[in-house]
PDB file of N, CA and C in Angstrom:
ATOM      1  N   UNK A   1      30.658  13.047   6.110  1.00  0.00           N
ATOM      2  CA  UNK A   1      31.205  11.820   4.237  1.00  0.00           C
ATOM      3  C   UNK A   1      30.794  11.303   3.963  1.00  0.00           C
ATOM      4  N   UNK A   2      32.106  11.119   4.768  1.00  0.00           N
ATOM      5  CA  UNK A   2      33.414   9.334   4.337  1.00  0.00           C
ATOM      6  C   UNK A   2      32.681   8.389   4.971  1.00  0.00           C
ATOM      7  N   UNK A   3      32.120   8.836   5.923  1.00  0.00           N
ATOM      8  CA  UNK A   3      30.868   7.647   7.281  1.00  0.00           C
ATOM      9  C   UNK A   3      29.809   7.343   6.399  1.00  0.00           C
ATOM     10  N   UNK A   4      29.303   8.196   5.743  1.00  0.00           N
ATOM     11  CA  UNK A   4      27.481   8.137   5.413  1.00  0.00           C
ATOM     12  C   UNK A   4      28.317   7.523   4.259  1.00  0.00           C
ATOM     13  N   UNK A   5      28.732   7.322   3.873  1.00  0.00           N
ATOM     14  CA  UNK A   5      29.161   6.931   2.091  1.00  0.00           C
ATOM     15  C   UNK A   5      29.128   5.469   2.403  1.00  0.00           C
ATOM     16  N   UNK A   6      29.909   5.217   3.109  1.00  0.00           N
ATOM     17  CA  UNK A   6      29.983   3.580   4.123  1.00  0.00           C
ATOM     18  C   UNK A   6      29.785   3.347   4.881  1.00  0.00           C
ATOM     19  N   UNK A   7      28.350   3.628   5.264  1.00  0.00           N
ATOM     20  CA  UNK A   7      26.183   3.658   6.117  1.00  0.00           C
ATOM     21  C   UNK A   7      26.203   1.959   5.866  1.00  0.00           C
ATOM     22  N   UNK A   8      26.072   1.606   4.383  1.00  0.00           N
ATOM     23  CA  UNK A   8      25.640   0.541   4.077  1.00  0.00           C
ATOM     24  C   UNK A   8      26.515  -0.359   4.714  1.00  0.00           C
ATOM     25  N   UNK A   9      27.577  -0.412   5.144  1.00  0.00           N
ATOM     26  CA  UNK A   9      28.965  -1.648   4.997  1.00  0.00           C
ATOM     27  C   UNK A   9      28.435  -2.233   6.578  1.00  0.00           C
ATOM     28  N   UNK A  10      28.390  -1.152   7.314  1.00  0.00           N
ATOM     29  CA  UNK A  10      28.040  -1.402   9.090  1.00  0.00           C
ATOM     30  C   UNK A  10      26.685  -1.678   9.002  1.00  0.00           C
ATOM     31  N   UNK A  11      27.015  -3.144   9.770  1.00  0.00           N
ATOM     32  CA  UNK A  11      25.965  -4.151   9.653  1.00  0.00           C
ATOM     33  C   UNK A  11      25.585  -4.012  11.901  1.00  0.00           C
ATOM     34  N   UNK A  12      24.323  -3.363  11.641  1.00  0.00           N
ATOM     35  CA  UNK A  12      23.611  -3.534  12.954  1.00  0.00           C
ATOM     36  C   UNK A  12      23.036  -4.278  13.677  1.00  0.00           C
ATOM     37  N   UNK A  13      23.267  -4.769  14.515  1.00  0.00           N
ATOM     38  CA  UNK A  13      23.677  -5.886  15.185  1.00  0.00           C
ATOM     39  C   UNK A  13      21.825  -4.859  15.933  1.00  0.00           C
ATOM     40  N   UNK A  14      21.628  -6.718  16.465  1.00  0.00           N
ATOM     41  CA  UNK A  14      19.850  -6.101  17.265  1.00  0.00           C
ATOM     42  C   UNK A  14      20.623  -5.144  19.170  1.00  0.00           C
ATOM     43  N   UNK A  15      21.264  -5.775  19.222  1.00  0.00           N
ATOM     44  CA  UNK A  15      21.668  -5.792  21.133  1.00  0.00           C
ATOM     45  C   UNK A  15      22.051  -4.268  20.613  1.00  0.00           C
ATOM     46  N   UNK A  16      22.818  -3.818  19.524  1.00  0.00           N
ATOM     47  CA  UNK A  16      22.771  -2.651  19.642  1.00  0.00           C
ATOM     48  C   UNK A  16      22.507  -1.824  19.062  1.00  0.00           C
ATOM     49  N   UNK A  17      20.707  -2.781  18.493  1.00  0.00           N
ATOM     50  CA  UNK A  17      19.381  -0.857  17.729  1.00  0.00           C
ATOM     51  C   UNK A  17      18.894  -1.083  19.357  1.00  0.00           C
ATOM     52  N   UNK A  18      18.498  -2.625  20.160  1.00  0.00           N
ATOM     53  CA  UNK A  18      18.054  -1.986  21.285  1.00  0.00           C
ATOM     54  C   UNK A  18      18.242  -1.666  22.430  1.00  0.00           C
ATOM     55  N   UNK A  19      19.754  -0.965  22.598  1.00  0.00           N
ATOM     56  CA  UNK A  19      20.510  -0.588  23.324  1.00  0.00           C
ATOM     57  C   UNK A  19      20.521   1.289  22.896  1.00  0.00           C
ATOM     58  N   UNK A  20      20.532   1.703  21.654  1.00  0.00           N
ATOM     59  CA  UNK A  20      20.028   2.820  21.275  1.00  0.00           C
ATOM     60  C   UNK A  20      18.552   3.206  21.192  1.00  0.00           C
ATOM     61  N   UNK A  21      18.321   2.240  20.369  1.00  0.00           N
ATOM     62  CA  UNK A  21      16.496   2.424  20.447  1.00  0.00           C
ATOM     63  C   UNK A  21      15.987   2.417  21.499  1.00  0.00           C
ATOM     64  N   UNK A  22      15.988   1.822  22.380  1.00  0.00           N
ATOM     65  CA  UNK A  22      14.777   0.757  23.340  1.00  0.00           C
ATOM     66  C   UNK A  22      15.043   2.003  24.603  1.00  0.00           C
ATOM     67  N   UNK A  23      14.141   2.236  24.884  1.00  0.00           N
ATOM     68  CA  UNK A  23      14.261   2.397  27.347  1.00  0.00           C
ATOM     69  C   UNK A  23      13.819   1.976  27.744  1.00  0.00           C
ATOM     70  N   UNK A  24      12.753   0.544  26.987  1.00  0.00           N
ATOM     71  CA  UNK A  24      12.623  -0.143  28.392  1.00  0.00           C
ATOM     72  C   UNK A  24      12.177  -1.470  27.355  1.00  0.00           C
ATOM     73  N   UNK A  25      11.151  -2.018  28.264  1.00  0.00           N
ATOM     74  CA  UNK A  25      11.642  -3.490  28.175  1.00  0.00           C
ATOM     75  C   UNK A  25      10.347  -3.801  26.805  1.00  0.00           C
ATOM     76  N   UNK A  26       9.526  -2.937  27.001  1.00  0.00           N
ATOM     77  CA  UNK A  26       8.465  -2.022  26.042  1.00  0.00           C
ATOM     78  C   UNK A  26       8.556  -2.104  24.425  1.00  0.00           C
ATOM     79  N   UNK A  27       9.591  -1.626  24.687  1.00  0.00           N
ATOM     80  CA  UNK A  27      10.349  -1.191  23.219  1.00  0.00           C
ATOM     81  C   UNK A  27      11.138  -2.102  22.867  1.00  0.00           C
ATOM     82  N   UNK A  28      11.454  -2.626  24.051  1.00  0.00           N
ATOM     83  CA  UNK A  28      12.897  -4.376  23.610  1.00  0.00           C
ATOM     84  C   UNK A  28      11.153  -5.212  22.769  1.00  0.00           C
ATOM     85  N   UNK A  29      10.337  -5.345  23.800  1.00  0.00           N
ATOM     86  CA  UNK A  29       9.998  -6.033  22.760  1.00  0.00           C
ATOM     87  C   UNK A  29       8.133  -5.730  21.842  1.00  0.00           C
ATOM     88  N   UNK A  30       8.035  -4.517  21.340  1.00  0.00           N
ATOM     89  CA  UNK A  30       7.916  -4.325  20.327  1.00  0.00           C
ATOM     90  C   UNK A  30       8.687  -4.482  18.633  1.00  0.00           C
ATOM     91  N   UNK A  31      10.215  -3.440  19.273  1.00  0.00           N
ATOM     92  CA  UNK A  31      11.136  -4.478  17.877  1.00  0.00           C
ATOM     93  C   UNK A  31      11.060  -5.485  18.171  1.00  0.00           C
ATOM     94  N   UNK A  32      11.221  -6.629  18.620  1.00  0.00           N
ATOM     95  CA  UNK A  32      11.018  -7.905  18.130  1.00  0.00           C
ATOM     96  C   UNK A  32       8.995  -8.389  17.876  1.00  0.00           C
ATOM     97  N   UNK A  33       8.438  -7.644  18.259  1.00  0.00           N
ATOM     98  CA  UNK A  33       7.297  -8.235  17.211  1.00  0.00           C
ATOM     99  C   UNK A  33       7.612  -7.809  16.360  1.00  0.00           C
ATOM    100  N   UNK A  34       7.898  -7.171  15.869  1.00  0.00           N
ATOM    101  CA  UNK A  34       8.087  -6.647  14.441  1.00  0.00           C
ATOM    102  C   UNK A  34       8.927  -7.132  13.485  1.00  0.00           C
ATOM    103  N   UNK A  35      10.160  -6.920  14.242  1.00  0.00           N
ATOM    104  CA  UNK A  35      11.151  -9.007  13.706  1.00  0.00           C
ATOM    105  C   UNK A  35      10.765  -9.950  13.764  1.00  0.00           C
ATOM    106  N   UNK A  36       9.459 -10.141  14.079  1.00  0.00           N
ATOM    107  CA  UNK A  36       8.949 -11.535  13.835  1.00  0.00           C
ATOM    108  C   UNK A  36       8.467 -11.701  12.639  1.00  0.00           C
ATOM    109  N   UNK A  37       8.012 -10.350  12.915  1.00  0.00           N
ATOM    110  CA  UNK A  37       6.891 -10.395  11.677  1.00  0.00           C
ATOM    111  C   UNK A  37       7.750  -9.833  10.349  1.00  0.00           C
ATOM    112  N   UNK A  38       8.799  -9.757  10.172  1.00  0.00           N
ATOM    113  CA  UNK A  38       9.771  -9.445   8.910  1.00  0.00           C
ATOM    114  C   UNK A  38       8.934  -8.550   8.349  1.00  0.00           C
ATOM    115  N   UNK A  39       9.062  -9.057   6.962  1.00  0.00           N
ATOM    116  CA  UNK A  39       8.049  -8.437   5.336  1.00  0.00           C
ATOM    117  C   UNK A  39       6.387  -7.685   5.963  1.00  0.00           C
ATOM    118  N   UNK A  40       5.764  -8.572   6.412  1.00  0.00           N
ATOM    119  CA  UNK A  40       4.681  -8.567   6.240  1.00  0.00           C
ATOM    120  C   UNK A  40       4.283  -7.382   7.275  1.00  0.00           C
ATOM    121  N   UNK A  41       5.193  -6.828   8.356  1.00  0.00           N
ATOM    122  CA  UNK A  41       4.156  -5.643   9.438  1.00  0.00           C
ATOM    123  C   UNK A  41       3.084  -6.086  10.234  1.00  0.00           C
ATOM    124  N   UNK A  42       3.664  -5.614  10.586  1.00  0.00           N
ATOM    125  CA  UNK A  42       2.561  -5.467  12.139  1.00  0.00           C
ATOM    126  C   UNK A  42       1.796  -4.520  12.206  1.00  0.00           C
ATOM    127  N   UNK A  43       0.481  -4.251  12.512  1.00  0.00           N
ATOM    128  CA  UNK A  43      -0.685  -3.595  13.149  1.00  0.00           C
ATOM    129  C   UNK A  43      -0.329  -2.971  13.789  1.00  0.00           C
ATOM    130  N   UNK A  44      -0.005  -1.845  14.626  1.00  0.00           N
ATOM    131  CA  UNK A  44      -0.655  -1.393  15.350  1.00  0.00           C
ATOM    132  C   UNK A  44      -1.545  -2.158  17.130  1.00  0.00           C
ATOM    133  N   UNK A  45      -2.105  -1.966  16.483  1.00  0.00           N
ATOM    134  CA  UNK A  45      -3.733  -3.162  17.522  1.00  0.00           C
ATOM    135  C   UNK A  45      -3.323  -4.509  17.727  1.00  0.00           C
ATOM    136  N   UNK A  46      -2.340  -5.100  16.159  1.00  0.00           N
ATOM    137  CA  UNK A  46      -1.873  -6.887  16.707  1.00  0.00           C
ATOM    138  C   UNK A  46      -1.012  -5.676  17.970  1.00  0.00           C
ATOM    139  N   UNK A  47      -0.187  -5.516  17.831  1.00  0.00           N
ATOM    140  CA  UNK A  47       1.197  -5.370  18.784  1.00  0.00           C
ATOM    141  C   UNK A  47       0.581  -5.017  19.728  1.00  0.00           C
ATOM    142  N   UNK A  48      -0.250  -4.066  20.080  1.00  0.00           N
ATOM    143  CA  UNK A  48      -1.007  -3.397  21.703  1.00  0.00           C
ATOM    144  C   UNK A  48      -2.193  -4.677  21.901  1.00  0.00           C
ATOM    145  N   UNK A  49      -2.094  -5.485  21.179  1.00  0.00           N
ATOM    146  CA  UNK A  49      -2.941  -6.707  21.787  1.00  0.00           C
ATOM    147  C   UNK A  49      -2.145  -8.152  22.579  1.00  0.00           C
ATOM    148  N   UNK A  50      -0.856  -7.788  21.806  1.00  0.00           N
ATOM    149  CA  UNK A  50       0.114  -9.240  22.094  1.00  0.00           C
ATOM    150  C   UNK A  50       0.428  -8.504  23.313  1.00  0.00           C
ATOM    151  N   UNK A  51       1.197  -6.665  24.369  1.00  0.00           N
ATOM    152  CA  UNK A  51       1.530  -6.437  24.915  1.00  0.00           C
ATOM    153  C   UNK A  51       0.254  -5.965  25.785  1.00  0.00           C
ATOM    154  N   UNK A  52      -0.926  -6.242  25.225  1.00  0.00           N
ATOM    155  CA  UNK A  52      -1.532  -5.740  26.356  1.00  0.00           C
ATOM    156  C   UNK A  52      -1.186  -4.372  26.761  1.00  0.00           C
ATOM    157  N   UNK A  53      -0.860  -3.819  26.514  1.00  0.00           N
ATOM    158  CA  UNK A  53      -0.888  -2.130  26.297  1.00  0.00           C
ATOM    159  C   UNK A  53      -1.633  -1.439  25.385  1.00  0.00           C
ATOM    160  N   UNK A  54      -2.482   0.016  25.580  1.00  0.00           N
ATOM    161  CA  UNK A  54      -2.844   1.414  24.442  1.00  0.00           C
ATOM    162  C   UNK A  54      -2.379   0.786  23.108  1.00  0.00           C
ATOM    163  N   UNK A  55      -3.241   0.627  22.428  1.00  0.00           N
ATOM    164  CA  UNK A  55      -2.771   0.941  21.430  1.00  0.00           C
ATOM    165  C   UNK A  55      -1.649   2.116  19.489  1.00  0.00           C
ATOM    166  N   UNK A  56      -2.477   3.799  20.798  1.00  0.00           N
ATOM    167  CA  UNK A  56      -1.959   4.513  20.454  1.00  0.00           C
ATOM    168  C   UNK A  56      -0.268   4.444  20.616  1.00  0.00           C
ATOM    169  N   UNK A  57      -0.017   4.175  22.334  1.00  0.00           N
ATOM    170  CA  UNK A  57       1.203   4.146  23.116  1.00  0.00           C
ATOM    171  C   UNK A  57       2.218   3.055  21.753  1.00  0.00           C
ATOM    172  N   UNK A  58       1.423   2.534  20.599  1.00  0.00           N
ATOM    173  CA  UNK A  58       2.639   1.109  20.140  1.00  0.00           C
ATOM    174  C   UNK A  58       3.120   2.666  19.099  1.00  0.00           C
ATOM    175  N   UNK A  59       2.420   3.769  18.136  1.00  0.00           N
ATOM    176  CA  UNK A  59       3.242   4.824  17.383  1.00  0.00           C
ATOM    177  C   UNK A  59       4.196   5.421  18.171  1.00  0.00           C
ATOM    178  N   UNK A  60       3.477   6.198  20.082  1.00  0.00           N
ATOM    179  CA  UNK A  60       4.299   6.919  20.000  1.00  0.00           C
ATOM    180  C   UNK A  60       5.691   6.753  20.557  1.00  0.00           C
ATOM    181  N   UNK A  61       5.787   5.348  20.999  1.00  0.00           N
ATOM    182  CA  UNK A  61       6.939   4.260  21.990  1.00  0.00           C
ATOM    183  C   UNK A  61       8.387   3.859  19.471  1.00  0.00           C
ATOM    184  N   UNK A  62       7.475   3.962  18.130  1.00  0.00           N
ATOM    185  CA  UNK A  62       8.527   3.265  17.682  1.00  0.00           C
ATOM    186  C   UNK A  62       8.523   4.621  17.034  1.00  0.00           C
ATOM    187  N   UNK A  63       7.702   5.584  16.748  1.00  0.00           N
ATOM    188  CA  UNK A  63       8.431   7.500  16.436  1.00  0.00           C
ATOM    189  C   UNK A  63       9.518   8.272  17.665  1.00  0.00           C
ATOM    190  N   UNK A  64       9.627   7.199  19.167  1.00  0.00           N
ATOM    191  CA  UNK A  64      11.123   7.820  19.980  1.00  0.00           C
ATOM    192  C   UNK A  64      12.013   7.307  19.436  1.00  0.00           C
ATOM    193  N   UNK A  65      11.525   5.419  19.342  1.00  0.00           N
ATOM    194  CA  UNK A  65      12.462   4.800  19.089  1.00  0.00           C
ATOM    195  C   UNK A  65      13.633   4.899  17.470  1.00  0.00           C
ATOM    196  N   UNK A  66      12.108   5.890  16.349  1.00  0.00           N
ATOM    197  CA  UNK A  66      13.518   5.690  15.046  1.00  0.00           C
ATOM    198  C   UNK A  66      14.090   7.245  15.581  1.00  0.00           C
ATOM    199  N   UNK A  67      13.798   8.536  16.210  1.00  0.00           N
ATOM    200  CA  UNK A  67      14.039   9.707  17.077  1.00  0.00           C
ATOM    201  C   UNK A  67      16.058   9.677  17.046  1.00  0.00           C
ATOM    202  N   UNK A  68      15.691   8.336  18.249  1.00  0.00           N
ATOM    203  CA  UNK A  68      17.143   8.411  18.785  1.00  0.00           C
ATOM    204  C   UNK A  68      17.734   7.663  18.115  1.00  0.00           C
ATOM    205  N   UNK A  69      17.169   6.582  17.094  1.00  0.00           N
ATOM    206  CA  UNK A  69      18.168   6.174  15.887  1.00  0.00           C
ATOM    207  C   UNK A  69      18.779   6.901  14.557  1.00  0.00           C
ATOM    208  N   UNK A  70      17.676   8.229  14.542  1.00  0.00           N
ATOM    209  CA  UNK A  70      17.260   9.158  13.294  1.00  0.00           C
ATOM    210  C   UNK A  70      19.237  10.327  14.064  1.00  0.00           C
ATOM    211  N   UNK A  71      19.029  10.122  15.414  1.00  0.00           N
ATOM    212  CA  UNK A  71      19.917  10.623  15.941  1.00  0.00           C
ATOM    213  C   UNK A  71      21.616   9.982  16.169  1.00  0.00           C
ATOM    214  N   UNK A  72      21.281   9.413  16.591  1.00  0.00           N
ATOM    215  CA  UNK A  72      22.580   7.726  16.405  1.00  0.00           C
ATOM    216  C   UNK A  72      23.153   7.734  14.816  1.00  0.00           C
ATOM    217  N   UNK A  73      22.103   6.801  13.758  1.00  0.00           N
ATOM    218  CA  UNK A  73      23.202   7.027  12.690  1.00  0.00           C
ATOM    219  C   UNK A  73      22.429   7.625  11.494  1.00  0.00           C
ATOM    220  N   UNK A  74      20.929   8.403  11.630  1.00  0.00           N
ATOM    221  CA  UNK A  74      20.334   9.322  11.213  1.00  0.00           C
ATOM    222  C   UNK A  74      19.626   8.398  10.062  1.00  0.00           C
ATOM    223  N   UNK A  75      19.259   7.790  10.710  1.00  0.00           N
ATOM    224  CA  UNK A  75      18.283   6.252   9.309  1.00  0.00           C
ATOM    225  C   UNK A  75      17.059   6.344  10.783  1.00  0.00           C
ATOM    226  N   UNK A  76      15.575   5.833  10.165  1.00  0.00           N
ATOM    227  CA  UNK A  76      14.729   6.026  11.208  1.00  0.00           C
ATOM    228  C   UNK A  76      15.808   3.925  10.464  1.00  0.00           C
ATOM    229  N   UNK A  77      14.617   2.939  11.871  1.00  0.00           N
ATOM    230  CA  UNK A  77      14.732   1.534  12.033  1.00  0.00           C
ATOM    231  C   UNK A  77      12.950   0.208  11.205  1.00  0.00           C
ATOM    232  N   UNK A  78      12.342   1.596  11.626  1.00  0.00           N
ATOM    233  CA  UNK A  78      10.842   0.890  12.139  1.00  0.00           C
ATOM    234  C   UNK A  78      10.494   2.037  10.341  1.00  0.00           C
ATOM    235  N   UNK A  79       9.435   1.526   9.750  1.00  0.00           N
ATOM    236  CA  UNK A  79       8.544   2.021   9.072  1.00  0.00           C
ATOM    237  C   UNK A  79       7.688   1.847   9.074  1.00  0.00           C
ATOM    238  N   UNK A  80       6.312   2.427   8.603  1.00  0.00           N
ATOM    239  CA  UNK A  80       4.901   1.836   7.927  1.00  0.00           C
ATOM    240  C   UNK A  80       4.780   2.152   6.898  1.00  0.00           C
ATOM    241  N   UNK A  81       3.852   0.796   6.471  1.00  0.00           N
ATOM    242  CA  UNK A  81       3.689   1.167   5.269  1.00  0.00           C
ATOM    243  C   UNK A  81       1.952   0.222   5.461  1.00  0.00           C
ATOM    244  N   UNK A  82       0.944   1.146   4.715  1.00  0.00           N
ATOM    245  CA  UNK A  82      -0.381   1.405   4.701  1.00  0.00           C
ATOM    246  C   UNK A  82      -0.601   1.268   6.168  1.00  0.00           C
ATOM    247  N   UNK A  83      -0.712   0.555   7.046  1.00  0.00           N
ATOM    248  CA  UNK A  83      -1.197   0.487   8.529  1.00  0.00           C
ATOM    249  C   UNK A  83      -0.654  -0.275   8.979  1.00  0.00           C
ATOM    250  N   UNK A  84       0.325  -0.923   8.460  1.00  0.00           N
ATOM    251  CA  UNK A  84       1.493  -1.710   9.330  1.00  0.00           C
ATOM    252  C   UNK A  84       2.604  -0.707   9.110  1.00  0.00           C
ATOM    253  N   UNK A  85       3.226  -1.147  10.940  1.00  0.00           N
ATOM    254  CA  UNK A  85       4.486  -1.319  10.986  1.00  0.00           C
ATOM    255  C   UNK A  85       5.970  -2.785  10.348  1.00  0.00           C
ATOM    256  N   UNK A  86       6.752  -1.989   9.974  1.00  0.00           N
ATOM    257  CA  UNK A  86       7.907  -2.793  10.345  1.00  0.00           C
ATOM    258  C   UNK A  86       9.126  -2.530  10.313  1.00  0.00           C
ATOM    259  N   UNK A  87       9.707  -3.404  10.851  1.00  0.00           N
ATOM    260  CA  UNK A  87      11.418  -3.212  10.275  1.00  0.00           C
ATOM    261  C   UNK A  87      11.645  -2.706   9.177  1.00  0.00           C
ATOM    262  N   UNK A  88      12.395  -1.517   8.680  1.00  0.00           N
ATOM    263  CA  UNK A  88      13.734  -1.793   7.254  1.00  0.00           C
ATOM    264  C   UNK A  88      14.192  -2.742   7.015  1.00  0.00           C
ATOM    265  N   UNK A  89      14.450  -2.336   5.333  1.00  0.00           N
ATOM    266  CA  UNK A  89      14.938  -4.421   5.248  1.00  0.00           C
ATOM    267  C   UNK A  89      16.095  -3.888   5.265  1.00  0.00           C
ATOM    268  N   UNK A  90      16.827  -3.378   5.167  1.00  0.00           N
ATOM    269  CA  UNK A  90      18.467  -3.240   5.709  1.00  0.00           C
ATOM    270  C   UNK A  90      18.771  -3.727   7.023  1.00  0.00           C
ATOM    271  N   UNK A  91      17.523  -3.607   8.001  1.00  0.00           N
ATOM    272  CA  UNK A  91      18.117  -4.075   9.372  1.00  0.00           C
ATOM    273  C   UNK A  91      18.275  -5.812   9.598  1.00  0.00           C
ATOM    274  N   UNK A  92      16.069  -5.919   9.131  1.00  0.00           N
ATOM    275  CA  UNK A  92      16.105  -7.852   8.655  1.00  0.00           C
ATOM    276  C   UNK A  92      16.906  -7.700   8.252  1.00  0.00           C
ATOM    277  N   UNK A  93      17.630  -7.793   7.344  1.00  0.00           N
ATOM    278  CA  UNK A  93      18.800  -8.187   6.757  1.00  0.00           C
ATOM    279  C   UNK A  93      20.105  -8.170   7.549  1.00  0.00           C
ATOM    280  N   UNK A  94      20.283  -7.333   7.764  1.00  0.00           N
ATOM    281  CA  UNK A  94      21.531  -6.915   9.554  1.00  0.00           C
ATOM    282  C   UNK A  94      21.378  -8.799  10.547  1.00  0.00           C
ATOM    283  N   UNK A  95      20.387  -8.089  11.166  1.00  0.00           N
ATOM    284  CA  UNK A  95      19.561  -9.016  11.895  1.00  0.00           C
ATOM    285  C   UNK A  95      19.549 -10.765  11.850  1.00  0.00           C
ATOM    286  N   UNK A  96      19.374 -10.800  10.106  1.00  0.00           N
ATOM    287  CA  UNK A  96      20.400 -12.346  10.107  1.00  0.00           C
ATOM    288  C   UNK A  96      21.312 -12.683   9.582  1.00  0.00           C
ATOM    289  N   UNK A  97      22.405 -11.766   9.259  1.00  0.00           N
ATOM    290  CA  UNK A  97      23.124 -11.919   9.348  1.00  0.00           C
ATOM    291  C   UNK A  97      24.384 -12.039  10.806  1.00  0.00           C
ATOM    292  N   UNK A  98      22.938 -10.940  11.929  1.00  0.00           N
ATOM    293  CA  UNK A  98      24.552 -11.725  12.948  1.00  0.00           C
ATOM    294  C   UNK A  98      23.799 -13.009  13.551  1.00  0.00           C
ATOM    295  N   UNK A  99      22.745 -13.289  13.278  1.00  0.00           N
ATOM    296  CA  UNK A  99      22.343 -14.763  13.999  1.00  0.00           C
ATOM    297  C   UNK A  99      23.583 -16.207  13.056  1.00  0.00           C
ATOM    298  N   UNK A 100      23.720 -15.950  12.003  1.00  0.00           N
ATOM    299  CA  UNK A 100      24.132 -17.058  11.153  1.00  0.00           C
ATOM    300  C   UNK A 100      25.199 -16.506  11.635  1.00  0.00           C
TER     301      UNK A 100
END
């Protein structure tokens, strides 16, 4: 209960998120593409074209990354809004704090 209350105070760095959520370089590339897209996000097809993989693989990989992060920290890191995937706002903020 205490950890859940303090969760918002923890800053999640991109290295940590990549280590926990990503299984291979394609997952890392998907996370990087979404990070670069910012608050506008990207469609699966756009990411797939950029990485030269099947667009259906993008959604499956994102769901697996979310599942690993859900087990680790209790929350998803990527959300779908409309037809676009985007990194949750808290994580975008944390990535900016770690860069600065």
